[in-house]
Amino acid sequence: MSFRSVSFYLLILFIITTLLSLFGIVSLSAMDIAAYSCLFWGISFFYSSYLKQHHVGIVIGSVFFLTGTVLFVFTQFEILNFGTVFVPSALIIIGISLLIANLLTKVNSIAVIFSFLSLFAGIWLLISRGTATVDLYFSAVKTLVKSYWIVILFLGIIIFLAAKNFKKRNDNRG
């Protein structure tokens, strides 16, 4: 299954979910739909780019996935002061995405340094501005794991289908 076919199925799923939400059949907000869309497209784009060792695609897929994660957290926990965590979240997303891309493809030392600086700046801004505690953190992780089971299942299915198709395509070539 190619990235285009996965993207097509995700687009169909996105349209159906949006219509079901508009007609009141499913109770999802626009932020929920955007979060799940970013998560699924990010996973799909990341995986297909990883198979091709496409550095920019890995970064873009990571950014989409992590943006979906941040949106998901905002919708689930009703964070009131979005402005306080927006810049740190963006810095952390950039830092993690660049670090992942450099760990999975050839390493660019300047990008690795920039990713660590972005991560450090984002974490420092969160700590200096926030009032988070360890108990609050573990409570949030527990709630996320309970809510993410469908995402993990969907990710497993996509990886299985893509790996099966990739193996079948390589067997036909050789």
C-alpha atoms as a PDB file:
ATOM      1  CA  MET A   1       0.000   0.000   0.000  1.00  0.00           C
ATOM      2  CA  SER A   2       1.634   3.244  -1.130  1.00  0.00           C
ATOM      3  CA  PHE A   3       1.601   6.584   0.643  1.00  0.00           C
ATOM      4  CA  ARG A   4      -0.872   7.908  -1.919  1.00  0.00           C
ATOM      5  CA  SER A   5      -3.378   5.134  -1.287  1.00  0.00           C
ATOM      6  CA  VAL A   6      -3.032   5.508   2.491  1.00  0.00           C
ATOM      7  CA  SER A   7      -3.475   9.275   2.139  1.00  0.00           C
ATOM      8  CA  PHE A   8      -6.539   8.717  -0.025  1.00  0.00           C
ATOM      9  CA  TYR A   9      -8.101   6.421   2.590  1.00  0.00           C
ATOM     10  CA  LEU A  10      -7.237   8.904   5.333  1.00  0.00           C
ATOM     11  CA  LEU A  11      -8.824  11.721   3.322  1.00  0.00           C
ATOM     12  CA  ILE A  12     -12.007   9.670   2.884  1.00  0.00           C
ATOM     13  CA  LEU A  13     -12.003   8.906   6.625  1.00  0.00           C
ATOM     14  CA  PHE A  14     -11.466  12.609   7.386  1.00  0.00           C
ATOM     15  CA  ILE A  15     -14.379  13.658   5.146  1.00  0.00           C
ATOM     16  CA  ILE A  16     -16.704  11.003   6.582  1.00  0.00           C
ATOM     17  CA  THR A  17     -15.770  11.929  10.150  1.00  0.00           C
ATOM     18  CA  THR A  18     -16.305  15.625   9.448  1.00  0.00           C
ATOM     19  CA  LEU A  19     -19.721  14.956   7.898  1.00  0.00           C
ATOM     20  CA  LEU A  20     -20.750  12.676  10.772  1.00  0.00           C
ATOM     21  CA  SER A  21     -19.692  15.385  13.197  1.00  0.00           C
ATOM     22  CA  LEU A  22     -21.560  18.108  11.297  1.00  0.00           C
ATOM     23  CA  PHE A  23     -24.763  16.038  11.282  1.00  0.00           C
ATOM     24  CA  GLY A  24     -24.414  15.323  15.002  1.00  0.00           C
ATOM     25  CA  ILE A  25     -24.018  11.561  14.607  1.00  0.00           C
ATOM     26  CA  VAL A  26     -20.551  11.654  16.191  1.00  0.00           C
ATOM     27  CA  SER A  27     -19.587  14.145  18.872  1.00  0.00           C
ATOM     28  CA  LEU A  28     -16.165  15.322  17.745  1.00  0.00           C
ATOM     29  CA  SER A  29     -14.986  18.913  17.734  1.00  0.00           C
ATOM     30  CA  ALA A  30     -13.026  20.421  14.874  1.00  0.00           C
ATOM     31  CA  MET A  31      -9.956  20.285  17.122  1.00  0.00           C
ATOM     32  CA  ASP A  32     -10.475  16.529  17.689  1.00  0.00           C
ATOM     33  CA  ILE A  33     -10.769  15.889  13.961  1.00  0.00           C
ATOM     34  CA  ALA A  34      -7.681  18.016  13.271  1.00  0.00           C
ATOM     35  CA  ALA A  35      -5.740  16.175  15.992  1.00  0.00           C
ATOM     36  CA  TYR A  36      -6.585  12.713  14.680  1.00  0.00           C
ATOM     37  CA  SER A  37      -5.967  13.793  11.078  1.00  0.00           C
ATOM     38  CA  CYS A  38      -2.517  15.147  11.952  1.00  0.00           C
ATOM     39  CA  LEU A  39      -1.734  11.984  13.902  1.00  0.00           C
ATOM     40  CA  PHE A  40      -2.729   9.604  11.128  1.00  0.00           C
ATOM     41  CA  TRP A  41      -1.234  11.618   8.247  1.00  0.00           C
ATOM     42  CA  GLY A  42       1.922  12.155  10.264  1.00  0.00           C
ATOM     43  CA  ILE A  43       2.301   8.429  10.885  1.00  0.00           C
ATOM     44  CA  SER A  44       1.643   7.638   7.236  1.00  0.00           C
ATOM     45  CA  PHE A  45       3.994  10.302   5.877  1.00  0.00           C
ATOM     46  CA  PHE A  46       6.710   9.438   8.391  1.00  0.00           C
ATOM     47  CA  TYR A  47       6.593   5.723   7.651  1.00  0.00           C
ATOM     48  CA  SER A  48       6.654   6.079   3.875  1.00  0.00           C
ATOM     49  CA  SER A  49       9.492   8.608   4.104  1.00  0.00           C
ATOM     50  CA  TYR A  50      11.403   6.356   6.480  1.00  0.00           C
ATOM     51  CA  LEU A  51      11.188   3.465   4.025  1.00  0.00           C
ATOM     52  CA  LYS A  52      12.642   5.701   1.314  1.00  0.00           C
ATOM     53  CA  GLN A  53      15.175   7.328   3.716  1.00  0.00           C
ATOM     54  CA  HIS A  54      13.770  10.738   2.723  1.00  0.00           C
ATOM     55  CA  HIS A  55      15.100  13.149   5.383  1.00  0.00           C
ATOM     56  CA  VAL A  56      12.672  16.027   4.771  1.00  0.00           C
ATOM     57  CA  GLY A  57       9.699  13.650   4.691  1.00  0.00           C
ATOM     58  CA  ILE A  58      10.683  12.197   8.055  1.00  0.00           C
ATOM     59  CA  VAL A  59      10.811  15.704   9.544  1.00  0.00           C
ATOM     60  CA  ILE A  60       7.444  16.653   8.026  1.00  0.00           C
ATOM     61  CA  GLY A  61       5.836  13.397   9.169  1.00  0.00           C
ATOM     62  CA  SER A  62       7.205  13.910  12.674  1.00  0.00           C
ATOM     63  CA  VAL A  63       5.952  17.498  12.764  1.00  0.00           C
ATOM     64  CA  PHE A  64       2.459  16.402  11.678  1.00  0.00           C
ATOM     65  CA  PHE A  65       2.368  13.583  14.227  1.00  0.00           C
ATOM     66  CA  LEU A  66       3.665  15.697  17.097  1.00  0.00           C
ATOM     67  CA  THR A  67       1.325  18.563  16.176  1.00  0.00           C
ATOM     68  CA  GLY A  68      -1.545  16.083  16.294  1.00  0.00           C
ATOM     69  CA  THR A  69      -0.323  14.940  19.696  1.00  0.00           C
ATOM     70  CA  VAL A  70      -0.272  18.515  21.006  1.00  0.00           C
ATOM     71  CA  LEU A  71      -3.749  19.189  19.586  1.00  0.00           C
ATOM     72  CA  PHE A  72      -4.978  15.958  21.149  1.00  0.00           C
ATOM     73  CA  VAL A  73      -3.603  16.987  24.540  1.00  0.00           C
ATOM     74  CA  PHE A  74      -5.272  20.393  24.233  1.00  0.00           C
ATOM     75  CA  THR A  75      -8.647  18.846  23.416  1.00  0.00           C
ATOM     76  CA  GLN A  76      -8.470  16.204  26.150  1.00  0.00           C
ATOM     77  CA  PHE A  77      -7.208  18.358  28.994  1.00  0.00           C
ATOM     78  CA  GLU A  78      -8.819  21.724  28.190  1.00  0.00           C
ATOM     79  CA  ILE A  79      -5.636  23.711  28.660  1.00  0.00           C
ATOM     80  CA  LEU A  80      -6.874  27.231  29.228  1.00  0.00           C
ATOM     81  CA  ASN A  81      -3.782  29.281  28.476  1.00  0.00           C
ATOM     82  CA  PHE A  82      -2.821  28.079  25.014  1.00  0.00           C
ATOM     83  CA  GLY A  83      -0.388  30.974  24.557  1.00  0.00           C
ATOM     84  CA  THR A  84       1.754  29.827  27.473  1.00  0.00           C
ATOM     85  CA  VAL A  85       2.543  26.452  25.935  1.00  0.00           C
ATOM     86  CA  PHE A  86       2.375  27.215  22.203  1.00  0.00           C
ATOM     87  CA  VAL A  87       5.969  28.433  21.752  1.00  0.00           C
ATOM     88  CA  PRO A  88       7.517  25.730  23.980  1.00  0.00           C
ATOM     89  CA  SER A  89       5.462  23.075  22.172  1.00  0.00           C
ATOM     90  CA  ALA A  90       6.594  24.361  18.776  1.00  0.00           C
ATOM     91  CA  LEU A  91      10.240  24.337  19.888  1.00  0.00           C
ATOM     92  CA  ILE A  92       9.937  20.817  21.278  1.00  0.00           C
ATOM     93  CA  ILE A  93       8.205  19.589  18.102  1.00  0.00           C
ATOM     94  CA  ILE A  94      10.958  21.073  15.921  1.00  0.00           C
ATOM     95  CA  GLY A  95      13.678  19.662  18.163  1.00  0.00           C
ATOM     96  CA  ILE A  96      12.242  16.147  18.306  1.00  0.00           C
ATOM     97  CA  SER A  97      11.495  16.065  14.569  1.00  0.00           C
ATOM     98  CA  LEU A  98      15.009  17.094  13.593  1.00  0.00           C
ATOM     99  CA  LEU A  99      16.553  14.703  16.097  1.00  0.00           C
ATOM    100  CA  ILE A 100      14.468  11.764  14.861  1.00  0.00           C
ATOM    101  CA  ALA A 101      15.283  12.533  11.230  1.00  0.00           C
ATOM    102  CA  ASN A 102      18.990  12.732  12.005  1.00  0.00           C
ATOM    103  CA  LEU A 103      18.950   9.508  13.974  1.00  0.00           C
ATOM    104  CA  LEU A 104      17.115   7.609  11.220  1.00  0.00           C
ATOM    105  CA  THR A 105      18.998   8.980   8.216  1.00  0.00           C
ATOM    106  CA  LYS A 106      22.489  10.359   7.782  1.00  0.00           C
ATOM    107  CA  VAL A 107      23.529  12.644  10.621  1.00  0.00           C
ATOM    108  CA  ASN A 108      23.940  16.371  10.031  1.00  0.00           C
ATOM    109  CA  SER A 109      25.816  17.762  13.046  1.00  0.00           C
ATOM    110  CA  ILE A 110      24.409  21.286  12.693  1.00  0.00           C
ATOM    111  CA  ALA A 111      20.834  19.951  12.633  1.00  0.00           C
ATOM    112  CA  VAL A 112      21.545  17.788  15.705  1.00  0.00           C
ATOM    113  CA  ILE A 113      22.893  20.806  17.598  1.00  0.00           C
ATOM    114  CA  PHE A 114      19.873  22.872  16.519  1.00  0.00           C
ATOM    115  CA  SER A 115      17.512  20.089  17.605  1.00  0.00           C
ATOM    116  CA  PHE A 116      19.095  19.893  21.070  1.00  0.00           C
ATOM    117  CA  LEU A 117      18.976  23.687  21.406  1.00  0.00           C
ATOM    118  CA  SER A 118      15.298  23.699  20.384  1.00  0.00           C
ATOM    119  CA  LEU A 119      14.501  20.906  22.836  1.00  0.00           C
ATOM    120  CA  PHE A 120      16.382  22.638  25.644  1.00  0.00           C
ATOM    121  CA  ALA A 121      14.693  25.986  24.940  1.00  0.00           C
ATOM    122  CA  GLY A 122      11.225  24.412  24.779  1.00  0.00           C
ATOM    123  CA  ILE A 123      11.669  22.428  27.984  1.00  0.00           C
ATOM    124  CA  TRP A 124      13.190  25.418  29.760  1.00  0.00           C
ATOM    125  CA  LEU A 125      10.254  27.634  28.723  1.00  0.00           C
ATOM    126  CA  LEU A 126       7.756  25.011  29.910  1.00  0.00           C
ATOM    127  CA  ILE A 127       9.468  24.611  33.274  1.00  0.00           C
ATOM    128  CA  SER A 128       9.939  28.336  33.838  1.00  0.00           C
ATOM    129  CA  ARG A 129       6.348  29.238  32.876  1.00  0.00           C
ATOM    130  CA  GLY A 130       4.457  26.185  34.103  1.00  0.00           C
ATOM    131  CA  THR A 131       3.181  24.780  37.365  1.00  0.00           C
ATOM    132  CA  ALA A 132       3.365  21.089  36.486  1.00  0.00           C
ATOM    133  CA  THR A 133       4.068  18.426  39.110  1.00  0.00           C
ATOM    134  CA  VAL A 134       5.162  14.801  38.823  1.00  0.00           C
ATOM    135  CA  ASP A 135       1.712  13.549  39.922  1.00  0.00           C
ATOM    136  CA  LEU A 136       0.041  15.711  37.291  1.00  0.00           C
ATOM    137  CA  TYR A 137       2.439  14.351  34.665  1.00  0.00           C
ATOM    138  CA  PHE A 138       1.751  10.683  35.487  1.00  0.00           C
ATOM    139  CA  SER A 139      -1.986  11.361  35.567  1.00  0.00           C
ATOM    140  CA  ALA A 140      -1.756  12.911  32.092  1.00  0.00           C
ATOM    141  CA  VAL A 141       0.290   9.983  30.738  1.00  0.00           C
ATOM    142  CA  LYS A 142      -2.235   7.475  32.102  1.00  0.00           C
ATOM    143  CA  THR A 143      -5.126   9.349  30.494  1.00  0.00           C
ATOM    144  CA  LEU A 144      -3.283   9.618  27.171  1.00  0.00           C
ATOM    145  CA  VAL A 145      -2.553   5.887  27.080  1.00  0.00           C
ATOM    146  CA  LYS A 146      -6.230   5.140  27.751  1.00  0.00           C
ATOM    147  CA  SER A 147      -7.269   7.494  24.961  1.00  0.00           C
ATOM    148  CA  TYR A 148      -4.586   6.534  22.428  1.00  0.00           C
ATOM    149  CA  TRP A 149      -5.357   2.827  22.164  1.00  0.00           C
ATOM    150  CA  ILE A 150      -7.197   3.413  18.875  1.00  0.00           C
ATOM    151  CA  VAL A 151      -4.253   5.378  17.453  1.00  0.00           C
ATOM    152  CA  ILE A 152      -1.833   2.614  18.452  1.00  0.00           C
ATOM    153  CA  LEU A 153      -4.093   0.001  16.858  1.00  0.00           C
ATOM    154  CA  PHE A 154      -4.414   2.034  13.655  1.00  0.00           C
ATOM    155  CA  LEU A 155      -0.649   2.594  13.572  1.00  0.00           C
ATOM    156  CA  GLY A 156      -0.066  -1.142  13.908  1.00  0.00           C
ATOM    157  CA  ILE A 157      -2.447  -1.881  11.031  1.00  0.00           C
ATOM    158  CA  ILE A 158      -0.814   0.734   8.774  1.00  0.00           C
ATOM    159  CA  ILE A 159       2.686  -0.541   9.548  1.00  0.00           C
ATOM    160  CA  PHE A 160       1.607  -4.145   8.973  1.00  0.00           C
ATOM    161  CA  LEU A 161      -0.045  -3.362   5.622  1.00  0.00           C
ATOM    162  CA  ALA A 162       2.816  -1.151   4.451  1.00  0.00           C
ATOM    163  CA  ALA A 163       5.460  -3.709   5.450  1.00  0.00           C
ATOM    164  CA  LYS A 164       3.498  -6.501   3.768  1.00  0.00           C
ATOM    165  CA  ASN A 165       3.152  -4.462   0.569  1.00  0.00           C
ATOM    166  CA  PHE A 166       6.804  -3.370   0.704  1.00  0.00           C
ATOM    167  CA  LYS A 167       7.954  -6.975   1.111  1.00  0.00           C
ATOM    168  CA  LYS A 168       5.670  -8.141  -1.704  1.00  0.00           C
ATOM    169  CA  ARG A 169       6.991  -5.389  -3.983  1.00  0.00           C
ATOM    170  CA  ASN A 170      10.617  -6.289  -3.192  1.00  0.00           C
ATOM    171  CA  ASP A 171       9.928 -10.010  -3.760  1.00  0.00           C
ATOM    172  CA  ASN A 172       8.488  -9.229  -7.200  1.00  0.00           C
ATOM    173  CA  ARG A 173      11.585  -7.200  -8.157  1.00  0.00           C
ATOM    174  CA  GLY A 174      14.123  -9.816  -7.096  1.00  0.00           C
END
